[in-house]
C-alpha atoms as a PDB file:
ATOM      1  CA  MET A   1     -37.171  -7.850  29.247  1.00  0.00           C
ATOM      2  CA  VAL A   2     -34.088  -8.465  27.090  1.00  0.00           C
ATOM      3  CA  ARG A   3     -34.103  -7.497  23.454  1.00  0.00           C
ATOM      4  CA  GLY A   4     -32.778 -10.085  21.058  1.00  0.00           C
ATOM      5  CA  LYS A   5     -30.172  -9.308  18.433  1.00  0.00           C
ATOM      6  CA  ILE A   6     -31.589  -8.205  15.132  1.00  0.00           C
ATOM      7  CA  GLU A   7     -30.192  -9.330  11.840  1.00  0.00           C
ATOM      8  CA  ILE A   8     -28.469  -6.433  10.120  1.00  0.00           C
ATOM      9  CA  LYS A   9     -29.992  -6.319   6.659  1.00  0.00           C
ATOM     10  CA  ARG A  10     -32.096  -3.917   4.639  1.00  0.00           C
ATOM     11  CA  ILE A  11     -35.612  -3.462   6.003  1.00  0.00           C
ATOM     12  CA  GLU A  12     -38.007  -4.245   3.171  1.00  0.00           C
ATOM     13  CA  ASN A  13     -41.074  -2.489   4.587  1.00  0.00           C
ATOM     14  CA  VAL A  14     -40.781   1.203   3.595  1.00  0.00           C
ATOM     15  CA  THR A  15     -42.654   2.563   6.610  1.00  0.00           C
ATOM     16  CA  SER A  16     -40.638   0.470   9.061  1.00  0.00           C
ATOM     17  CA  ARG A  17     -37.429   1.502   7.312  1.00  0.00           C
ATOM     18  CA  GLN A  18     -38.300   5.209   7.630  1.00  0.00           C
ATOM     19  CA  VAL A  19     -39.224   4.849  11.314  1.00  0.00           C
ATOM     20  CA  THR A  20     -36.006   2.916  12.016  1.00  0.00           C
ATOM     21  CA  PHE A  21     -33.950   5.506  10.113  1.00  0.00           C
ATOM     22  CA  SER A  22     -35.509   8.342  12.114  1.00  0.00           C
ATOM     23  CA  LYS A  23     -34.910   6.666  15.470  1.00  0.00           C
ATOM     24  CA  ARG A  24     -31.363   5.548  14.695  1.00  0.00           C
ATOM     25  CA  ARG A  25     -30.459   8.931  13.186  1.00  0.00           C
ATOM     26  CA  LYS A  26     -31.614  10.674  16.364  1.00  0.00           C
ATOM     27  CA  GLY A  27     -29.642   8.186  18.463  1.00  0.00           C
ATOM     28  CA  LEU A  28     -26.533   8.640  16.344  1.00  0.00           C
ATOM     29  CA  LEU A  29     -26.673  12.437  16.522  1.00  0.00           C
ATOM     30  CA  LYS A  30     -27.355  12.245  20.277  1.00  0.00           C
ATOM     31  CA  LYS A  31     -24.282  10.024  20.741  1.00  0.00           C
ATOM     32  CA  ALA A  32     -22.194  12.467  18.694  1.00  0.00           C
ATOM     33  CA  HIS A  33     -23.342  15.320  20.954  1.00  0.00           C
ATOM     34  CA  GLU A  34     -22.592  13.284  24.089  1.00  0.00           C
ATOM     35  CA  LEU A  35     -19.119  12.420  22.814  1.00  0.00           C
ATOM     36  CA  SER A  36     -18.348  16.063  22.160  1.00  0.00           C
ATOM     37  CA  VAL A  37     -19.579  17.165  25.605  1.00  0.00           C
ATOM     38  CA  LEU A  38     -18.143  14.333  27.705  1.00  0.00           C
ATOM     39  CA  CYS A  39     -14.750  14.142  26.003  1.00  0.00           C
ATOM     40  CA  ASP A  40     -14.396  17.750  24.838  1.00  0.00           C
ATOM     41  CA  ALA A  41     -13.853  16.375  21.336  1.00  0.00           C
ATOM     42  CA  GLN A  42     -14.637  18.044  18.063  1.00  0.00           C
ATOM     43  CA  VAL A  43     -17.279  15.828  16.488  1.00  0.00           C
ATOM     44  CA  ALA A  44     -19.109  16.025  13.193  1.00  0.00           C
ATOM     45  CA  ALA A  45     -21.724  13.632  11.869  1.00  0.00           C
ATOM     46  CA  ILE A  46     -23.325  13.813   8.443  1.00  0.00           C
ATOM     47  CA  VAL A  47     -26.275  11.629   7.443  1.00  0.00           C
ATOM     48  CA  PHE A  48     -28.210  11.629   4.179  1.00  0.00           C
ATOM     49  CA  SER A  49     -31.614   9.992   4.070  1.00  0.00           C
ATOM     50  CA  GLN A  50     -32.673   7.746   1.208  1.00  0.00           C
ATOM     51  CA  LYS A  51     -34.482  10.722  -0.293  1.00  0.00           C
ATOM     52  CA  GLY A  52     -31.338  12.854  -0.068  1.00  0.00           C
ATOM     53  CA  ARG A  53     -32.254  14.963   2.930  1.00  0.00           C
ATOM     54  CA  LEU A  54     -29.256  16.131   4.952  1.00  0.00           C
ATOM     55  CA  TYR A  55     -29.016  15.712   8.723  1.00  0.00           C
ATOM     56  CA  ASP A  56     -25.872  16.847  10.483  1.00  0.00           C
ATOM     57  CA  PHE A  57     -24.324  17.611  13.836  1.00  0.00           C
ATOM     58  CA  ALA A  58     -21.162  19.560  14.555  1.00  0.00           C
ATOM     59  CA  SER A  59     -19.765  20.416  17.953  1.00  0.00           C
ATOM     60  CA  SER A  60     -18.220  23.535  16.415  1.00  0.00           C
ATOM     61  CA  ASP A  61     -18.452  25.222  13.016  1.00  0.00           C
ATOM     62  CA  MET A  62     -19.106  22.534  10.378  1.00  0.00           C
ATOM     63  CA  GLN A  63     -17.294  24.477   7.645  1.00  0.00           C
ATOM     64  CA  LYS A  64     -14.109  24.738   9.734  1.00  0.00           C
ATOM     65  CA  MET A  65     -14.311  21.056  10.606  1.00  0.00           C
ATOM     66  CA  MET A  66     -14.685  20.083   6.946  1.00  0.00           C
ATOM     67  CA  GLU A  67     -11.682  22.234   6.030  1.00  0.00           C
ATOM     68  CA  ARG A  68      -9.682  20.611   8.811  1.00  0.00           C
ATOM     69  CA  TYR A  69     -10.765  17.170   7.575  1.00  0.00           C
ATOM     70  CA  ASP A  70      -9.685  18.037   4.030  1.00  0.00           C
ATOM     71  CA  ILE A  71      -6.272  19.181   5.272  1.00  0.00           C
ATOM     72  CA  HIS A  72      -5.710  16.000   7.280  1.00  0.00           C
ATOM     73  CA  ARG A  73      -6.937  13.847   4.421  1.00  0.00           C
ATOM     74  CA  SER A  74      -4.632  15.505   1.886  1.00  0.00           C
ATOM     75  CA  GLU A  75      -1.680  15.227   4.298  1.00  0.00           C
ATOM     76  CA  TYR A  76      -2.378  11.529   4.846  1.00  0.00           C
ATOM     77  CA  PHE A  77      -2.785  10.724   1.168  1.00  0.00           C
ATOM     78  CA  GLY A  78       0.157  12.954   0.306  1.00  0.00           C
ATOM     79  CA  ALA A  79       2.361  11.028   2.740  1.00  0.00           C
ATOM     80  CA  GLU A  80       1.015   7.731   1.410  1.00  0.00           C
ATOM     81  CA  ARG A  81       1.750   8.806  -2.165  1.00  0.00           C
ATOM     82  CA  LEU A  82       5.285   9.846  -1.162  1.00  0.00           C
ATOM     83  CA  GLN A  83       5.873   6.434   0.443  1.00  0.00           C
ATOM     84  CA  LYS A  84       4.683   4.702  -2.721  1.00  0.00           C
ATOM     85  CA  GLN A  85       6.952   6.868  -4.875  1.00  0.00           C
ATOM     86  CA  GLN A  86       9.917   6.093  -2.626  1.00  0.00           C
ATOM     87  CA  PHE A  87       9.130   2.387  -2.792  1.00  0.00           C
ATOM     88  CA  VAL A  88       8.880   2.494  -6.581  1.00  0.00           C
ATOM     89  CA  GLN A  89      12.205   4.346  -6.777  1.00  0.00           C
ATOM     90  CA  GLU A  90      13.869   1.764  -4.509  1.00  0.00           C
ATOM     91  CA  VAL A  91      12.537  -1.063  -6.685  1.00  0.00           C
ATOM     92  CA  LYS A  92      13.793   0.701  -9.821  1.00  0.00           C
ATOM     93  CA  ASN A  93      17.248   1.149  -8.268  1.00  0.00           C
ATOM     94  CA  GLU A  94      17.392  -2.493  -7.247  1.00  0.00           C
ATOM     95  CA  MET A  95      16.250  -3.568 -10.691  1.00  0.00           C
ATOM     96  CA  ALA A  96      18.990  -1.469 -12.304  1.00  0.00           C
ATOM     97  CA  LYS A  97      21.600  -3.071 -10.032  1.00  0.00           C
ATOM     98  CA  THR A  98      20.273  -6.537 -10.855  1.00  0.00           C
ATOM     99  CA  LEU A  99      20.356  -5.810 -14.586  1.00  0.00           C
ATOM    100  CA  ASP A 100      23.968  -4.621 -14.254  1.00  0.00           C
ATOM    101  CA  GLN A 101      24.851  -7.848 -12.428  1.00  0.00           C
ATOM    102  CA  ILE A 102      23.149  -9.907 -15.142  1.00  0.00           C
ATOM    103  CA  GLU A 103      25.065  -8.057 -17.831  1.00  0.00           C
ATOM    104  CA  LEU A 104      28.367  -8.666 -16.015  1.00  0.00           C
ATOM    105  CA  LEU A 105      27.560 -12.358 -15.560  1.00  0.00           C
ATOM    106  CA  GLN A 106      26.614 -12.719 -19.232  1.00  0.00           C
ATOM    107  CA  LEU A 107      29.880 -11.050 -20.231  1.00  0.00           C
ATOM    108  CA  HIS A 108      31.785 -13.368 -17.909  1.00  0.00           C
ATOM    109  CA  CYS A 109      30.003 -16.417 -19.394  1.00  0.00           C
ATOM    110  CA  ARG A 110      30.813 -15.279 -22.930  1.00  0.00           C
ATOM    111  CA  LYS A 111      34.470 -14.936 -21.982  1.00  0.00           C
ATOM    112  CA  LEU A 112      34.484 -18.421 -20.449  1.00  0.00           C
ATOM    113  CA  MET A 113      32.912 -19.739 -23.661  1.00  0.00           C
ATOM    114  CA  GLY A 114      35.735 -18.154 -25.663  1.00  0.00           C
ATOM    115  CA  GLN A 115      33.750 -15.192 -27.004  1.00  0.00           C
ATOM    116  CA  ASP A 116      34.679 -11.511 -26.647  1.00  0.00           C
ATOM    117  CA  LEU A 117      38.231 -12.374 -25.578  1.00  0.00           C
ATOM    118  CA  ASP A 118      39.627  -9.431 -27.558  1.00  0.00           C
ATOM    119  CA  SER A 119      38.559  -7.027 -24.805  1.00  0.00           C
ATOM    120  CA  CYS A 120      40.274  -9.073 -22.059  1.00  0.00           C
ATOM    121  CA  SER A 121      43.455  -7.953 -20.357  1.00  0.00           C
ATOM    122  CA  VAL A 122      46.366 -10.311 -19.873  1.00  0.00           C
ATOM    123  CA  GLU A 123      45.387 -10.810 -16.226  1.00  0.00           C
ATOM    124  CA  GLU A 124      41.813 -11.720 -17.176  1.00  0.00           C
ATOM    125  CA  LEU A 125      43.084 -14.210 -19.737  1.00  0.00           C
ATOM    126  CA  LYS A 126      45.331 -15.810 -17.095  1.00  0.00           C
ATOM    127  CA  GLU A 127      42.351 -16.090 -14.696  1.00  0.00           C
ATOM    128  CA  ILE A 128      40.210 -17.671 -17.409  1.00  0.00           C
ATOM    129  CA  THR A 129      43.005 -20.143 -18.219  1.00  0.00           C
ATOM    130  CA  ILE A 130      43.325 -21.121 -14.536  1.00  0.00           C
ATOM    131  CA  LYS A 131      39.548 -21.611 -14.214  1.00  0.00           C
ATOM    132  CA  LEU A 132      39.420 -23.712 -17.368  1.00  0.00           C
ATOM    133  CA  GLU A 133      42.337 -25.878 -16.183  1.00  0.00           C
ATOM    134  CA  LYS A 134      40.606 -26.458 -12.825  1.00  0.00           C
ATOM    135  CA  SER A 135      37.366 -27.358 -14.593  1.00  0.00           C
ATOM    136  CA  LEU A 136      39.226 -29.700 -16.934  1.00  0.00           C
ATOM    137  CA  THR A 137      40.908 -31.390 -13.953  1.00  0.00           C
ATOM    138  CA  ILE A 138      37.499 -31.902 -12.255  1.00  0.00           C
ATOM    139  CA  VAL A 139      36.028 -33.403 -15.441  1.00  0.00           C
ATOM    140  CA  ARG A 140      39.012 -35.757 -15.877  1.00  0.00           C
ATOM    141  CA  SER A 141      38.773 -36.914 -12.260  1.00  0.00           C
ATOM    142  CA  ARG A 142      35.087 -37.773 -12.753  1.00  0.00           C
ATOM    143  CA  LYS A 143      35.907 -39.879 -15.829  1.00  0.00           C
ATOM    144  CA  VAL A 144      38.341 -42.061 -13.905  1.00  0.00           C
END
Protein backbone atom coordinates (compact mmCIF):
# COMPACT_ATOMS: atom_id res chain seq x y z
CA MET A 1 0.00 0.00 0.00
CA VAL A 2 1.40 3.40 -1.03
CA ARG A 3 1.03 6.36 1.26
CA GLY A 4 -0.15 9.55 -0.36
CA LYS A 5 1.60 12.86 0.12
CA ILE A 6 0.35 14.87 3.03
CA GLU A 7 -0.13 18.59 2.89
CA ILE A 8 2.48 20.30 5.04
CA LYS A 9 0.50 22.59 7.31
CA ARG A 10 -0.16 22.92 11.01
CA ILE A 11 -2.18 20.05 12.46
CA GLU A 12 -5.19 21.58 14.18
CA ASN A 13 -6.07 18.61 16.40
CA VAL A 14 -3.88 18.88 19.53
CA THR A 15 -3.69 15.14 20.20
CA SER A 16 -2.80 14.34 16.59
CA ARG A 17 -0.21 17.12 16.60
CA GLN A 18 1.45 15.72 19.75
CA VAL A 19 1.49 12.17 18.35
CA THR A 20 2.93 13.40 15.03
CA PHE A 21 5.55 15.48 16.86
CA SER A 22 6.61 12.48 18.95
CA LYS A 23 6.91 10.16 15.95
CA ARG A 24 8.71 12.67 13.74
CA ARG A 25 11.05 13.73 16.56
CA LYS A 26 12.05 10.10 17.11
CA GLY A 27 12.58 9.66 13.37
CA LEU A 28 14.65 12.82 13.14
CA LEU A 29 16.88 11.86 16.06
CA LYS A 30 17.22 8.33 14.65
CA LYS A 31 18.32 9.76 11.28
CA ALA A 32 20.84 12.01 13.04
CA HIS A 33 22.28 8.96 14.84
CA GLU A 34 22.43 6.98 11.59
CA LEU A 35 24.19 9.83 9.81
CA SER A 36 26.80 10.04 12.53
CA VAL A 37 27.43 6.27 12.52
CA LEU A 38 27.35 5.65 8.76
CA CYS A 39 29.35 8.71 7.72
CA ASP A 40 31.50 9.18 10.83
CA ALA A 41 30.17 12.74 10.99
CA GLN A 42 29.74 14.90 14.03
CA VAL A 43 26.00 15.50 14.24
CA ALA A 44 23.89 17.49 16.65
CA ALA A 45 20.13 17.92 16.60
CA ILE A 46 18.15 20.14 18.94
CA VAL A 47 14.35 20.09 19.08
CA PHE A 48 12.05 22.05 21.37
CA SER A 49 8.46 20.92 21.77
CA GLN A 50 5.57 23.36 21.75
CA LYS A 51 5.62 23.26 25.54
CA GLY A 52 9.33 24.08 25.60
CA ARG A 53 10.69 20.65 26.40
CA LEU A 54 14.18 20.02 25.02
CA TYR A 55 15.08 16.94 22.99
CA ASP A 56 18.59 16.61 21.64
CA PHE A 57 21.09 14.25 20.08
CA ALA A 58 24.83 14.68 19.78
CA SER A 59 27.28 12.20 18.34
CA SER A 60 29.93 13.63 20.67
CA ASP A 61 29.90 16.15 23.52
CA MET A 62 27.10 18.67 22.86
CA GLN A 63 28.93 21.49 24.66
CA LYS A 64 32.03 21.07 22.47
CA MET A 65 29.88 20.94 19.35
CA MET A 66 28.06 24.14 20.32
CA GLU A 67 31.39 25.88 20.94
CA ARG A 68 32.64 24.69 17.57
CA TYR A 69 29.42 25.94 15.94
CA ASP A 70 29.84 29.35 17.60
CA ILE A 71 33.43 29.59 16.34
CA HIS A 72 32.45 28.73 12.77
CA ARG A 73 29.49 31.07 12.89
CA SER A 74 31.57 34.00 14.15
CA GLU A 75 34.25 33.30 11.51
CA TYR A 76 31.63 33.23 8.76
CA PHE A 77 29.89 36.40 9.88
CA GLY A 78 33.23 38.05 10.57
CA ALA A 79 34.36 37.31 7.01
CA GLU A 80 31.01 38.50 5.66
CA ARG A 81 31.29 41.73 7.65
CA LEU A 82 34.84 42.26 6.36
CA GLN A 83 33.64 41.80 2.77
CA LYS A 84 30.88 44.35 3.33
CA GLN A 85 33.34 46.83 4.83
CA GLN A 86 35.69 46.37 1.88
CA PHE A 87 32.81 46.88 -0.54
CA VAL A 88 31.71 50.04 1.26
CA GLN A 89 35.28 51.36 1.19
CA GLU A 90 35.57 50.65 -2.55
CA VAL A 91 32.29 52.49 -3.18
CA LYS A 92 33.49 55.44 -1.09
CA ASN A 93 36.77 55.57 -3.04
CA GLU A 94 34.94 55.47 -6.35
CA MET A 95 32.54 58.15 -5.19
CA ALA A 96 35.46 60.39 -4.19
CA LYS A 97 37.05 59.91 -7.62
CA THR A 98 33.74 60.70 -9.32
CA LEU A 99 33.28 63.84 -7.22
CA ASP A 100 36.80 64.96 -8.16
CA GLN A 101 35.99 64.40 -11.84
CA ILE A 102 32.76 66.39 -11.48
CA GLU A 103 34.63 69.24 -9.83
CA LEU A 104 37.22 69.28 -12.63
CA LEU A 105 34.50 69.24 -15.29
CA GLN A 106 32.62 72.07 -13.57
CA LEU A 107 35.83 74.10 -13.41
CA HIS A 108 36.47 73.40 -17.08
CA CYS A 109 32.90 74.48 -17.97
CA ARG A 110 33.28 77.69 -15.98
CA LYS A 111 36.49 78.47 -17.85
CA LEU A 112 34.79 77.82 -21.20
CA MET A 113 31.98 80.16 -20.11
CA GLY A 114 34.55 82.87 -19.38
CA GLN A 115 34.50 82.55 -15.59
CA ASP A 116 37.51 81.94 -13.34
CA LEU A 117 39.95 82.80 -16.14
CA ASP A 118 42.27 84.58 -13.69
CA SER A 119 43.62 81.23 -12.49
CA CYS A 120 44.39 80.02 -16.04
CA SER A 121 47.91 79.77 -17.41
CA VAL A 122 48.80 81.13 -20.81
CA GLU A 123 48.70 77.62 -22.27
CA GLU A 124 45.21 77.00 -20.88
CA LEU A 125 44.01 80.29 -22.32
CA LYS A 126 45.42 79.32 -25.74
CA GLU A 127 43.62 75.94 -25.56
CA ILE A 128 40.35 77.63 -24.62
CA THR A 129 40.75 80.09 -27.51
CA ILE A 130 41.36 77.23 -29.97
CA LYS A 131 38.30 75.33 -28.69
CA LEU A 132 36.12 78.42 -28.93
CA GLU A 133 37.31 79.14 -32.48
CA LYS A 134 36.52 75.55 -33.53
CA SER A 135 33.08 75.79 -31.94
CA LEU A 136 32.46 79.13 -33.64
CA THR A 137 33.48 77.63 -37.00
CA ILE A 138 31.04 74.71 -36.50
CA VAL A 139 28.20 77.10 -35.62
CA ARG A 140 28.92 79.29 -38.67
CA SER A 141 28.97 76.27 -40.97
CA ARG A 142 25.55 75.19 -39.68
CA LYS A 143 24.10 78.65 -40.40
CA VAL A 144 25.11 78.51 -44.05
